[in-house]
Amino acid sequence: MRMNNLLRPEALELYERMLDFAALRHKVIANNVANINTPGFRRSDVEFAEELDRVLSDKGLKGAADVRIRVTQPNVTAFRNDGNNVSIDTEMAALAENTMLYQVYAQLLARKFRKIHDIIKEA
């Protein structure tokens, strides 16, 4: 995707979806960590990237509103005898990655608003 495409008005919807994804993923990761000692608990994750790629390939930026963010339970074998499959190392790595993604998405949105502000100021 070209950078100037990300400066179009349709990109606001995309940025919104990206921030929604990161916020939801943070909640899901926090829930996984909170249930690390719950017998039988199965970790969840959030699917977004493949759906985003598919929609953007089919519809371009105008399809951003159609991107579905889904909470899933990956088929991961339980690590412990009690059936719980949460690994604190996996969750902390996912949390660090997600924090960085959220920051990048927020910076992209801030850049978009600065660009809009500059355009209005010049007019």
C-alpha atoms as a PDB file:
ATOM      1  CA  MET A   1       0.000   0.000   0.000  1.00  0.00           C
ATOM      2  CA  ARG A   2       1.451   3.378  -0.968  1.00  0.00           C
ATOM      3  CA  MET A   3       1.937   6.012   1.725  1.00  0.00           C
ATOM      4  CA  ASN A   4      -0.065   8.700  -0.090  1.00  0.00           C
ATOM      5  CA  ASN A   5      -3.055   6.318  -0.041  1.00  0.00           C
ATOM      6  CA  LEU A   6      -2.863   6.375   3.753  1.00  0.00           C
ATOM      7  CA  LEU A   7      -3.368  10.154   3.705  1.00  0.00           C
ATOM      8  CA  ARG A   8      -6.762   9.927   1.992  1.00  0.00           C
ATOM      9  CA  PRO A   9      -9.925  10.554   4.061  1.00  0.00           C
ATOM     10  CA  GLU A  10     -10.886   6.867   3.797  1.00  0.00           C
ATOM     11  CA  ALA A  11      -7.805   6.084   5.835  1.00  0.00           C
ATOM     12  CA  LEU A  12      -9.472   7.465   8.993  1.00  0.00           C
ATOM     13  CA  GLU A  13     -11.772   4.451   9.032  1.00  0.00           C
ATOM     14  CA  LEU A  14      -8.791   2.160   8.619  1.00  0.00           C
ATOM     15  CA  TYR A  15      -6.928   3.810  11.493  1.00  0.00           C
ATOM     16  CA  GLU A  16     -10.030   3.474  13.655  1.00  0.00           C
ATOM     17  CA  ARG A  17     -10.251  -0.257  12.919  1.00  0.00           C
ATOM     18  CA  MET A  18      -6.540  -0.692  13.647  1.00  0.00           C
ATOM     19  CA  LEU A  19      -6.905   1.021  17.030  1.00  0.00           C
ATOM     20  CA  ASP A  20     -10.038  -1.034  17.773  1.00  0.00           C
ATOM     21  CA  PHE A  21      -8.051  -4.189  17.051  1.00  0.00           C
ATOM     22  CA  ALA A  22      -5.160  -3.213  19.323  1.00  0.00           C
ATOM     23  CA  ALA A  23      -7.483  -2.157  22.166  1.00  0.00           C
ATOM     24  CA  LEU A  24      -9.481  -5.395  21.966  1.00  0.00           C
ATOM     25  CA  ARG A  25      -6.329  -7.501  21.749  1.00  0.00           C
ATOM     26  CA  HIS A  26      -5.008  -5.800  24.874  1.00  0.00           C
ATOM     27  CA  LYS A  27      -8.205  -6.738  26.747  1.00  0.00           C
ATOM     28  CA  VAL A  28      -8.006 -10.328  25.502  1.00  0.00           C
ATOM     29  CA  ILE A  29      -4.366 -10.656  26.557  1.00  0.00           C
ATOM     30  CA  ALA A  30      -5.184  -9.204  29.978  1.00  0.00           C
ATOM     31  CA  ASN A  31      -8.007 -11.741  30.332  1.00  0.00           C
ATOM     32  CA  ASN A  32      -5.630 -14.572  29.417  1.00  0.00           C
ATOM     33  CA  VAL A  33      -3.160 -13.432  32.078  1.00  0.00           C
ATOM     34  CA  ALA A  34      -5.920 -12.993  34.658  1.00  0.00           C
ATOM     35  CA  ASN A  35      -6.965 -16.604  34.096  1.00  0.00           C
ATOM     36  CA  ILE A  36      -3.509 -18.149  34.111  1.00  0.00           C
ATOM     37  CA  ASN A  37      -4.399 -20.248  37.176  1.00  0.00           C
ATOM     38  CA  THR A  38      -7.974 -21.115  36.160  1.00  0.00           C
ATOM     39  CA  PRO A  39      -8.262 -24.858  35.498  1.00  0.00           C
ATOM     40  CA  GLY A  40      -9.547 -25.635  32.006  1.00  0.00           C
ATOM     41  CA  PHE A  41      -9.167 -22.047  30.769  1.00  0.00           C
ATOM     42  CA  ARG A  42      -8.312 -21.808  27.062  1.00  0.00           C
ATOM     43  CA  ARG A  43      -6.425 -18.739  25.871  1.00  0.00           C
ATOM     44  CA  SER A  44      -7.979 -16.433  23.302  1.00  0.00           C
ATOM     45  CA  ASP A  45      -6.477 -14.254  20.600  1.00  0.00           C
ATOM     46  CA  VAL A  46      -7.742 -11.650  18.143  1.00  0.00           C
ATOM     47  CA  GLU A  47      -7.726 -12.145  14.362  1.00  0.00           C
ATOM     48  CA  PHE A  48      -7.306  -9.071  12.230  1.00  0.00           C
ATOM     49  CA  ALA A  49      -4.290  -9.052   9.890  1.00  0.00           C
ATOM     50  CA  GLU A  50      -5.479 -11.659   7.373  1.00  0.00           C
ATOM     51  CA  GLU A  51      -8.967 -10.152   7.214  1.00  0.00           C
ATOM     52  CA  LEU A  52      -7.478  -6.685   6.784  1.00  0.00           C
ATOM     53  CA  ASP A  53      -5.248  -7.873   3.930  1.00  0.00           C
ATOM     54  CA  ARG A  54      -8.182  -9.625   2.239  1.00  0.00           C
ATOM     55  CA  VAL A  55     -10.539  -6.645   2.444  1.00  0.00           C
ATOM     56  CA  LEU A  56      -7.925  -4.108   1.370  1.00  0.00           C
ATOM     57  CA  SER A  57      -6.963  -6.321  -1.578  1.00  0.00           C
ATOM     58  CA  ASP A  58     -10.593  -6.636  -2.668  1.00  0.00           C
ATOM     59  CA  LYS A  59     -11.951  -3.161  -1.905  1.00  0.00           C
ATOM     60  CA  GLY A  60      -8.997  -0.908  -1.093  1.00  0.00           C
ATOM     61  CA  LEU A  61      -9.289   1.677   1.666  1.00  0.00           C
ATOM     62  CA  LYS A  62     -13.039   2.004   1.083  1.00  0.00           C
ATOM     63  CA  GLY A  63     -13.422  -1.501   2.526  1.00  0.00           C
ATOM     64  CA  ALA A  64     -11.910  -0.624   5.917  1.00  0.00           C
ATOM     65  CA  ALA A  65     -15.347  -0.542   7.563  1.00  0.00           C
ATOM     66  CA  ASP A  66     -15.895  -4.148   6.429  1.00  0.00           C
ATOM     67  CA  VAL A  67     -12.862  -5.505   8.284  1.00  0.00           C
ATOM     68  CA  ARG A  68     -14.064  -7.853  11.005  1.00  0.00           C
ATOM     69  CA  ILE A  69     -12.145  -8.184  14.237  1.00  0.00           C
ATOM     70  CA  ARG A  70     -12.740 -11.589  15.782  1.00  0.00           C
ATOM     71  CA  VAL A  71     -11.809 -13.118  19.109  1.00  0.00           C
ATOM     72  CA  THR A  72     -10.787 -16.734  18.590  1.00  0.00           C
ATOM     73  CA  GLN A  73      -9.487 -19.635  20.617  1.00  0.00           C
ATOM     74  CA  PRO A  74      -6.531 -21.134  18.774  1.00  0.00           C
ATOM     75  CA  ASN A  75      -6.153 -24.906  18.927  1.00  0.00           C
ATOM     76  CA  VAL A  76      -3.168 -24.980  21.239  1.00  0.00           C
ATOM     77  CA  THR A  77      -2.564 -28.024  23.387  1.00  0.00           C
ATOM     78  CA  ALA A  78      -2.831 -27.508  27.115  1.00  0.00           C
ATOM     79  CA  PHE A  79       0.518 -26.938  28.815  1.00  0.00           C
ATOM     80  CA  ARG A  80      -0.632 -28.205  32.161  1.00  0.00           C
ATOM     81  CA  ASN A  81      -2.536 -31.192  33.511  1.00  0.00           C
ATOM     82  CA  ASP A  82      -5.468 -28.976  34.545  1.00  0.00           C
ATOM     83  CA  GLY A  83      -6.230 -28.157  30.880  1.00  0.00           C
ATOM     84  CA  ASN A  84      -5.094 -24.528  31.017  1.00  0.00           C
ATOM     85  CA  ASN A  85      -3.040 -23.508  27.982  1.00  0.00           C
ATOM     86  CA  VAL A  86      -1.939 -19.981  28.988  1.00  0.00           C
ATOM     87  CA  SER A  87       1.804 -19.323  28.910  1.00  0.00           C
ATOM     88  CA  ILE A  88       2.886 -16.156  30.698  1.00  0.00           C
ATOM     89  CA  ASP A  89       5.859 -15.830  28.338  1.00  0.00           C
ATOM     90  CA  THR A  90       3.605 -15.973  25.272  1.00  0.00           C
ATOM     91  CA  GLU A  91       1.166 -13.465  26.745  1.00  0.00           C
ATOM     92  CA  MET A  92       3.878 -10.989  27.815  1.00  0.00           C
ATOM     93  CA  ALA A  93       5.456 -11.154  24.338  1.00  0.00           C
ATOM     94  CA  ALA A  94       2.035 -10.582  22.751  1.00  0.00           C
ATOM     95  CA  LEU A  95       1.394  -7.674  25.132  1.00  0.00           C
ATOM     96  CA  ALA A  96       4.718  -6.022  24.231  1.00  0.00           C
ATOM     97  CA  GLU A  97       4.025  -6.460  20.510  1.00  0.00           C
ATOM     98  CA  ASN A  98       0.498  -5.148  20.873  1.00  0.00           C
ATOM     99  CA  THR A  99       1.655  -2.102  22.825  1.00  0.00           C
ATOM    100  CA  MET A 100       4.057  -1.205  20.016  1.00  0.00           C
ATOM    101  CA  LEU A 101       1.354  -1.729  17.386  1.00  0.00           C
ATOM    102  CA  TYR A 102      -1.057   0.522  19.279  1.00  0.00           C
ATOM    103  CA  GLN A 103       1.583   3.239  19.475  1.00  0.00           C
ATOM    104  CA  VAL A 104       2.271   2.996  15.734  1.00  0.00           C
ATOM    105  CA  TYR A 105      -1.441   3.130  14.903  1.00  0.00           C
ATOM    106  CA  ALA A 106      -1.935   6.136  17.194  1.00  0.00           C
ATOM    107  CA  GLN A 107       1.021   7.909  15.581  1.00  0.00           C
ATOM    108  CA  LEU A 108      -0.407   7.276  12.110  1.00  0.00           C
ATOM    109  CA  LEU A 109      -3.733   8.736  13.193  1.00  0.00           C
ATOM    110  CA  ALA A 110      -2.033  11.736  14.818  1.00  0.00           C
ATOM    111  CA  ARG A 111      -0.067  12.325  11.613  1.00  0.00           C
ATOM    112  CA  LYS A 112      -3.311  12.214   9.627  1.00  0.00           C
ATOM    113  CA  PHE A 113      -4.902  14.822  11.897  1.00  0.00           C
ATOM    114  CA  ARG A 114      -1.803  17.026  11.721  1.00  0.00           C
ATOM    115  CA  LYS A 115      -1.977  16.854   7.923  1.00  0.00           C
ATOM    116  CA  ILE A 116      -5.674  17.812   7.990  1.00  0.00           C
ATOM    117  CA  HIS A 117      -4.889  20.625  10.436  1.00  0.00           C
ATOM    118  CA  ASP A 118      -2.133  21.929   8.154  1.00  0.00           C
ATOM    119  CA  ILE A 119      -4.438  21.863   5.122  1.00  0.00           C
ATOM    120  CA  ILE A 120      -7.154  23.776   6.995  1.00  0.00           C
ATOM    121  CA  LYS A 121      -4.611  26.263   8.327  1.00  0.00           C
ATOM    122  CA  GLU A 122      -3.320  26.963   4.792  1.00  0.00           C
ATOM    123  CA  ALA A 123      -6.807  27.541   3.408  1.00  0.00           C
END
